Amino acid sequence: MKKYQILSLLLFVGVSVTAQFSQKPLPYSYTALEPFIDAQTMEIHYSKHHAAYVKNLNAAVIGTDAEKMSIKEIFTNVSKFSPAIRNNAGGHYNHELFWSILTPEKNTKPSPELEKAINETFGSMDVLKEKLNAAAATRFGSGWAWLYVDSAKKLAISSTPNQDNPLMDIAENKGTPILGIDVWEHAYYLKYQNKRADYLSAIWNVINWNEVSNNYKAATKGTFDDWPALKDFHKVMSQTFHPSEEGNLEPIKKRSGEMVEKAALLAKSTIPAEFNKKEVVTAVQKLAADSKKLDKLVKSKKSDKELTNALTKLHDVFHEIIGLCTTEEH
């Protein structure tokens, strides 16, 4: 018996060491959020549901291109991966964010910067709560409601089905989540049964505005304006790639040379200190090289399919750079 116990332990340790993704400990006890979120719900939600997402994600990525990607890199390319990767990656990331923006601490408040943004965007905190609750209440079936920062660095609200989130390339409304509310039934049913509205009303008592403010600061620091060469490349990319999605390749056929120029200028530009890391440098160099390859395909009058594939790959590299210029989550 001891022999088999030792073997099982070694296998467990081996899996634990090589696991790509792991679950962070809760920053508070299961009972800490009562009476608003009960201990039994917290325990089941964290130790069963979230734990299963992590376990299944680690299994799903094995042997795929996602195996060595960060969670945000997966989201940038999630449309290319299996439903198992999409659902479990979302389930893991969404829950990590959810636990972090809850707290037993009373009367936390948004930072002055976040408070100003809330007032400018929604008019008041009460209106923000009303709109976010409406997004959560009207989400049919299971899903999430989000307060996120969009590409213009402005606050916005949306909801997503299942375990999707605004970071995914398939999201209708894209951006960086700073606050997420779980509206899967397992998040509230033991205490509130079918009264989702009561749960949504109660959860505001345990929102950690300190953490939400930190998320807002991270999501708004560093913009395209801080890196003009990236902004210039993005303009050409946007004006050529989006028409290609509708089958119109004329813009890229006419502007492939311009894209090479903008990519070359980007590769020679000074990378802002907060973005200046090896992975970003490598991705920018690849962007320049792939732009040249695309231009050669255009000049050689290759098929529309070949041009579309090359432009799509270039677009993916660009979004890889954008993903690397944010806080990485594993």
Protein backbone atom coordinates (compact mmCIF):
# COMPACT_ATOMS: atom_id res chain seq x y z
CA MET A 1 0.00 0.00 0.00
CA LYS A 2 2.77 2.44 0.92
CA LYS A 3 4.47 1.81 -2.42
CA TYR A 4 1.34 2.87 -4.32
CA GLN A 5 0.81 5.86 -2.03
CA ILE A 6 4.34 7.09 -2.71
CA LEU A 7 3.90 6.58 -6.46
CA SER A 8 0.62 8.53 -6.42
CA LEU A 9 2.25 11.34 -4.47
CA LEU A 10 5.13 11.56 -6.95
CA LEU A 11 2.70 11.68 -9.87
CA PHE A 12 0.69 14.43 -8.14
CA VAL A 13 3.83 16.46 -7.47
CA GLY A 14 4.96 16.03 -11.08
CA VAL A 15 1.62 17.30 -12.42
CA SER A 16 1.61 20.20 -9.95
CA VAL A 17 5.11 21.30 -10.91
CA THR A 18 4.46 21.22 -14.66
CA ALA A 19 0.99 22.77 -14.56
CA GLN A 20 0.96 25.90 -16.70
CA PHE A 21 -1.81 27.65 -14.77
CA SER A 22 -2.54 27.67 -11.06
CA GLN A 23 -5.20 28.94 -8.71
CA LYS A 24 -4.24 31.73 -6.32
CA PRO A 25 -5.31 31.35 -2.67
CA LEU A 26 -8.39 33.33 -1.71
CA PRO A 27 -7.36 36.62 -0.06
CA TYR A 28 -9.96 36.07 2.69
CA SER A 29 -11.81 33.20 4.38
CA TYR A 30 -14.93 31.52 3.02
CA THR A 31 -16.97 33.20 5.75
CA ALA A 32 -15.50 36.68 5.27
CA LEU A 33 -18.13 38.01 2.86
CA GLU A 34 -21.17 36.98 4.88
CA PRO A 35 -24.01 37.81 5.00
CA PHE A 36 -23.79 39.05 1.42
CA ILE A 37 -22.11 35.93 0.01
CA ASP A 38 -22.45 32.84 2.21
CA ALA A 39 -19.57 30.56 3.18
CA GLN A 40 -20.96 27.45 1.50
CA THR A 41 -21.30 29.22 -1.83
CA MET A 42 -17.78 30.62 -1.54
CA GLU A 43 -16.26 27.25 -0.74
CA ILE A 44 -18.03 25.40 -3.54
CA HIS A 45 -17.47 28.22 -6.01
CA TYR A 46 -13.75 28.49 -5.30
CA SER A 47 -12.71 24.92 -4.48
CA LYS A 48 -14.95 23.12 -6.99
CA HIS A 49 -15.98 25.35 -9.89
CA HIS A 50 -12.88 27.54 -10.21
CA ALA A 51 -10.53 24.67 -9.41
CA ALA A 52 -12.13 22.62 -12.18
CA TYR A 53 -11.53 25.40 -14.72
CA VAL A 54 -7.83 25.48 -13.81
CA LYS A 55 -7.47 21.69 -13.98
CA ASN A 56 -9.33 21.44 -17.29
CA LEU A 57 -7.42 24.36 -18.80
CA ASN A 58 -4.07 22.76 -18.02
CA ALA A 59 -5.28 19.57 -19.68
CA ALA A 60 -6.79 21.34 -22.69
CA VAL A 61 -3.68 23.30 -23.69
CA ILE A 62 -1.37 20.27 -23.82
CA GLY A 63 -0.09 19.74 -27.35
CA THR A 64 -1.57 23.02 -28.66
CA ASP A 65 -0.12 26.41 -29.54
CA ALA A 66 -1.64 27.66 -26.27
CA GLU A 67 0.66 25.44 -24.22
CA LYS A 68 3.31 28.14 -23.82
CA MET A 69 1.05 31.18 -23.96
CA SER A 70 0.02 33.50 -21.17
CA ILE A 71 -3.69 33.70 -20.44
CA LYS A 72 -3.96 37.03 -22.27
CA GLU A 73 -2.13 35.71 -25.30
CA ILE A 74 -4.67 32.89 -25.39
CA PHE A 75 -7.50 35.43 -25.30
CA THR A 76 -5.96 37.37 -28.18
CA ASN A 77 -6.12 34.19 -30.29
CA VAL A 78 -8.99 32.38 -28.58
CA SER A 79 -11.07 32.09 -31.77
CA LYS A 80 -8.41 29.67 -33.06
CA PHE A 81 -8.63 27.35 -30.09
CA SER A 82 -11.05 24.68 -28.96
CA PRO A 83 -14.14 25.43 -26.86
CA ALA A 84 -12.40 23.65 -23.98
CA ILE A 85 -9.53 26.16 -24.02
CA ARG A 86 -11.85 29.13 -24.51
CA ASN A 87 -14.26 28.17 -21.74
CA ASN A 88 -11.68 27.09 -19.18
CA ALA A 89 -9.25 29.95 -19.84
CA GLY A 90 -12.14 32.35 -19.41
CA GLY A 91 -13.35 30.55 -16.32
CA HIS A 92 -9.92 30.76 -14.73
CA TYR A 93 -9.19 34.40 -15.54
CA ASN A 94 -12.71 35.64 -14.76
CA HIS A 95 -12.73 34.02 -11.34
CA GLU A 96 -9.25 35.25 -10.43
CA LEU A 97 -10.47 38.77 -11.17
CA PHE A 98 -13.74 38.19 -9.31
CA TRP A 99 -12.08 37.04 -6.08
CA SER A 100 -9.71 40.00 -6.19
CA ILE A 101 -12.43 42.64 -6.46
CA LEU A 102 -14.36 41.33 -3.46
CA THR A 103 -13.43 42.18 0.14
CA PRO A 104 -14.76 42.00 3.70
CA GLU A 105 -13.30 45.48 4.29
CA LYS A 106 -16.01 48.08 4.76
CA ASN A 107 -16.41 51.36 2.91
CA THR A 108 -13.65 51.08 0.34
CA LYS A 109 -13.80 53.90 -2.19
CA PRO A 110 -12.70 54.48 -5.78
CA SER A 111 -9.48 56.40 -6.26
CA PRO A 112 -9.89 60.08 -7.23
CA GLU A 113 -8.94 59.16 -10.81
CA LEU A 114 -11.49 56.36 -11.04
CA GLU A 115 -14.18 58.41 -9.33
CA LYS A 116 -13.64 61.20 -11.84
CA ALA A 117 -13.89 58.73 -14.74
CA ILE A 118 -17.09 57.23 -13.30
CA ASN A 119 -18.69 60.66 -12.93
CA GLU A 120 -17.62 61.74 -16.41
CA THR A 121 -18.85 58.55 -18.05
CA PHE A 122 -21.98 57.69 -16.08
CA GLY A 123 -22.82 60.80 -14.11
CA SER A 124 -22.56 59.18 -10.69
CA MET A 125 -21.72 55.98 -8.84
CA ASP A 126 -25.43 55.22 -8.48
CA VAL A 127 -25.91 55.33 -12.23
CA LEU A 128 -22.88 53.05 -12.73
CA LYS A 129 -24.35 50.50 -10.33
CA GLU A 130 -27.73 50.75 -12.02
CA LYS A 131 -26.28 50.17 -15.49
CA LEU A 132 -23.95 47.36 -14.44
CA ASN A 133 -26.76 45.63 -12.55
CA ALA A 134 -28.98 45.97 -15.63
CA ALA A 135 -26.29 44.34 -17.79
CA ALA A 136 -26.01 41.50 -15.26
CA ALA A 137 -29.75 41.07 -14.79
CA THR A 138 -30.52 40.92 -18.50
CA ARG A 139 -27.73 38.45 -19.35
CA PHE A 140 -29.75 35.42 -20.43
CA GLY A 141 -28.54 32.22 -18.82
CA SER A 142 -25.00 32.10 -17.47
CA GLY A 143 -22.39 34.78 -17.95
CA TRP A 144 -20.72 37.92 -16.62
CA ALA A 145 -21.25 41.66 -16.44
CA TRP A 146 -18.21 43.90 -16.84
CA LEU A 147 -16.93 47.35 -16.09
CA TYR A 148 -14.00 47.64 -18.48
CA VAL A 149 -11.63 50.12 -20.09
CA ASP A 150 -12.04 50.28 -23.87
CA SER A 151 -9.40 50.97 -26.54
CA ALA A 152 -9.88 54.72 -26.07
CA LYS A 153 -9.09 54.30 -22.34
CA LYS A 154 -12.70 55.12 -21.44
CA LEU A 155 -14.94 53.24 -19.02
CA ALA A 156 -17.66 51.06 -20.54
CA ILE A 157 -20.13 48.36 -19.49
CA SER A 158 -20.99 45.10 -21.22
CA SER A 159 -21.97 41.53 -20.53
CA THR A 160 -20.71 38.28 -22.02
CA PRO A 161 -22.11 34.74 -22.16
CA ASN A 162 -20.65 31.75 -20.37
CA GLN A 163 -16.99 32.40 -19.45
CA ASP A 164 -16.22 34.90 -22.21
CA ASN A 165 -14.74 38.31 -21.37
CA PRO A 166 -13.83 41.58 -23.15
CA LEU A 167 -10.19 40.53 -23.63
CA MET A 168 -11.16 37.78 -26.08
CA ASP A 169 -10.82 38.34 -29.80
CA ILE A 170 -14.39 37.07 -30.22
CA ALA A 171 -15.85 39.63 -27.78
CA GLU A 172 -18.39 42.02 -29.26
CA ASN A 173 -17.16 44.76 -26.91
CA LYS A 174 -13.39 44.59 -26.39
CA GLY A 175 -11.33 46.09 -23.59
CA THR A 176 -9.64 45.43 -20.26
CA PRO A 177 -11.96 44.31 -17.44
CA ILE A 178 -11.52 46.10 -14.11
CA LEU A 179 -14.62 44.74 -12.36
CA GLY A 180 -16.58 41.62 -13.19
CA ILE A 181 -19.78 40.24 -11.67
CA ASP A 182 -20.41 36.52 -11.99
CA VAL A 183 -24.04 35.74 -12.81
CA TRP A 184 -23.74 31.99 -13.15
CA GLU A 185 -26.29 30.43 -10.81
CA HIS A 186 -23.58 28.70 -8.79
CA ALA A 187 -22.41 32.19 -7.71
CA TYR A 188 -25.62 32.94 -5.82
CA TYR A 189 -28.26 30.20 -5.95
CA LEU A 190 -27.71 28.63 -2.51
CA LYS A 191 -28.51 31.92 -0.79
CA TYR A 192 -30.63 33.85 -3.26
CA GLN A 193 -32.23 31.01 -5.28
CA ASN A 194 -33.69 32.53 -8.46
CA LYS A 195 -33.52 36.12 -7.12
CA ARG A 196 -30.58 37.33 -9.16
CA ALA A 197 -31.55 40.95 -8.53
CA ASP A 198 -31.14 40.48 -4.76
CA TYR A 199 -27.67 39.06 -5.29
CA LEU A 200 -26.74 41.96 -7.55
CA SER A 201 -27.95 44.44 -4.96
CA ALA A 202 -26.02 42.73 -2.16
CA ILE A 203 -22.71 42.34 -3.96
CA TRP A 204 -22.00 46.08 -3.88
CA ASN A 205 -21.48 45.75 -0.13
CA VAL A 206 -18.33 43.69 -0.73
CA ILE A 207 -16.79 45.33 -3.80
CA ASN A 208 -13.12 46.12 -3.27
CA TRP A 209 -12.83 49.58 -4.78
CA ASN A 210 -9.15 49.71 -3.87
CA GLU A 211 -8.49 46.79 -6.19
CA VAL A 212 -10.83 48.08 -8.89
CA SER A 213 -8.95 51.38 -8.75
CA ASN A 214 -5.64 49.53 -9.14
CA ASN A 215 -7.08 47.72 -12.15
CA TYR A 216 -8.21 51.01 -13.63
CA LYS A 217 -4.77 52.54 -13.16
CA ALA A 218 -3.10 49.54 -14.82
CA ALA A 219 -5.58 49.54 -17.71
CA THR A 220 -5.17 53.25 -18.44
CA LYS A 221 -1.42 53.63 -18.09
CA GLY A 222 0.38 53.49 -21.37
CA THR A 223 -1.64 54.34 -24.48
CA PHE A 224 -0.97 54.54 -28.18
CA ASP A 225 -0.23 58.22 -27.58
CA ASP A 226 2.81 57.13 -25.56
CA TRP A 227 4.12 55.25 -28.59
CA PRO A 228 3.32 57.27 -31.74
CA ALA A 229 4.94 54.77 -34.09
CA LEU A 230 2.64 52.01 -32.81
CA LYS A 231 -0.33 54.32 -33.22
CA ASP A 232 0.68 55.06 -36.82
CA PHE A 233 1.04 51.38 -37.66
CA HIS A 234 -2.31 50.63 -36.05
CA LYS A 235 -4.00 53.16 -38.33
CA VAL A 236 -2.80 51.40 -41.48
CA MET A 237 -3.52 47.98 -40.01
CA SER A 238 -7.07 48.95 -39.11
CA GLN A 239 -7.77 50.53 -42.50
CA THR A 240 -6.56 47.45 -44.40
CA PHE A 241 -7.40 44.48 -42.17
CA HIS A 242 -11.05 45.28 -41.43
CA PRO A 243 -11.99 45.60 -45.13
CA SER A 244 -10.28 42.23 -45.71
CA GLU A 245 -12.64 40.64 -43.19
CA GLU A 246 -15.43 41.51 -45.61
CA GLY A 247 -13.51 40.18 -48.60
CA ASN A 248 -12.17 43.54 -49.78
CA LEU A 249 -8.41 43.26 -50.35
CA GLU A 250 -8.00 46.43 -52.41
CA PRO A 251 -6.83 48.54 -49.42
CA ILE A 252 -3.97 46.17 -48.55
CA LYS A 253 -3.01 45.75 -52.21
CA LYS A 254 -2.67 49.51 -52.49
CA ARG A 255 -1.05 50.13 -49.11
CA SER A 256 1.23 47.15 -48.44
CA GLY A 257 4.27 49.33 -49.12
CA GLU A 258 3.02 51.92 -46.65
CA MET A 259 2.58 49.17 -44.05
CA VAL A 260 6.22 48.15 -44.56
CA GLU A 261 7.30 51.75 -43.99
CA LYS A 262 5.23 52.10 -40.82
CA ALA A 263 6.47 48.75 -39.49
CA ALA A 264 10.09 49.76 -40.17
CA LEU A 265 9.59 53.06 -38.34
CA LEU A 266 8.01 51.16 -35.46
CA ALA A 267 11.00 48.80 -35.26
CA LYS A 268 13.36 51.79 -35.11
CA SER A 269 11.25 53.77 -32.63
CA THR A 270 11.95 54.21 -28.94
CA ILE A 271 9.77 51.82 -26.98
CA PRO A 272 8.21 53.46 -23.89
CA ALA A 273 9.95 52.23 -20.74
CA GLU A 274 6.87 50.47 -19.36
CA PHE A 275 6.56 48.42 -22.57
CA ASN A 276 10.26 47.86 -23.17
CA LYS A 277 10.81 44.15 -22.65
CA LYS A 278 12.38 41.39 -24.68
CA GLU A 279 9.08 39.87 -25.82
CA VAL A 280 7.85 43.20 -27.17
CA VAL A 281 11.11 43.86 -29.03
CA THR A 282 10.94 40.40 -30.61
CA ALA A 283 7.30 40.83 -31.62
CA VAL A 284 7.99 44.25 -33.18
CA GLN A 285 10.85 42.79 -35.22
CA LYS A 286 8.56 40.01 -36.39
CA LEU A 287 5.95 42.59 -37.34
CA ALA A 288 8.50 44.37 -39.55
CA ALA A 289 9.65 41.12 -41.16
CA ASP A 290 6.10 39.87 -41.78
CA SER A 291 5.11 43.23 -43.29
CA LYS A 292 7.87 42.80 -45.88
CA LYS A 293 6.67 39.25 -46.63
CA LEU A 294 3.13 40.51 -47.14
CA ASP A 295 4.34 43.28 -49.45
CA LYS A 296 6.26 40.75 -51.58
CA LEU A 297 3.10 38.63 -51.87
CA VAL A 298 1.14 41.66 -53.02
CA LYS A 299 3.77 42.63 -55.61
CA SER A 300 3.94 39.03 -56.83
CA LYS A 301 0.15 39.12 -57.30
CA LYS A 302 -0.42 36.06 -55.16
CA SER A 303 -3.93 34.71 -54.61
CA ASP A 304 -6.43 36.51 -52.39
CA LYS A 305 -6.33 33.54 -50.04
CA GLU A 306 -2.57 33.86 -49.56
CA LEU A 307 -2.85 37.61 -49.00
CA THR A 308 -5.66 37.15 -46.50
CA ASN A 309 -3.69 34.55 -44.55
CA ALA A 310 -0.58 36.74 -44.46
CA LEU A 311 -2.55 39.83 -43.39
CA THR A 312 -4.34 37.84 -40.68
CA LYS A 313 -1.03 36.58 -39.29
CA LEU A 314 0.31 40.14 -39.30
CA HIS A 315 -2.81 41.30 -37.47
CA ASP A 316 -2.26 38.56 -34.88
CA VAL A 317 1.32 39.72 -34.28
CA PHE A 318 0.12 43.29 -33.82
CA HIS A 319 -2.40 42.18 -31.19
CA GLU A 320 0.29 40.07 -29.55
CA ILE A 321 2.22 43.33 -29.03
CA ILE A 322 -0.87 44.98 -27.57
CA GLY A 323 -1.34 42.02 -25.23
CA LEU A 324 2.30 42.14 -24.12
CA CYS A 325 1.92 45.83 -23.28
CA THR A 326 -0.52 44.98 -20.50
CA THR A 327 -0.10 43.19 -17.18
CA GLU A 328 0.38 39.48 -17.76
CA GLU A 329 -1.84 37.02 -15.93
CA HIS A 330 -0.94 33.31 -15.56
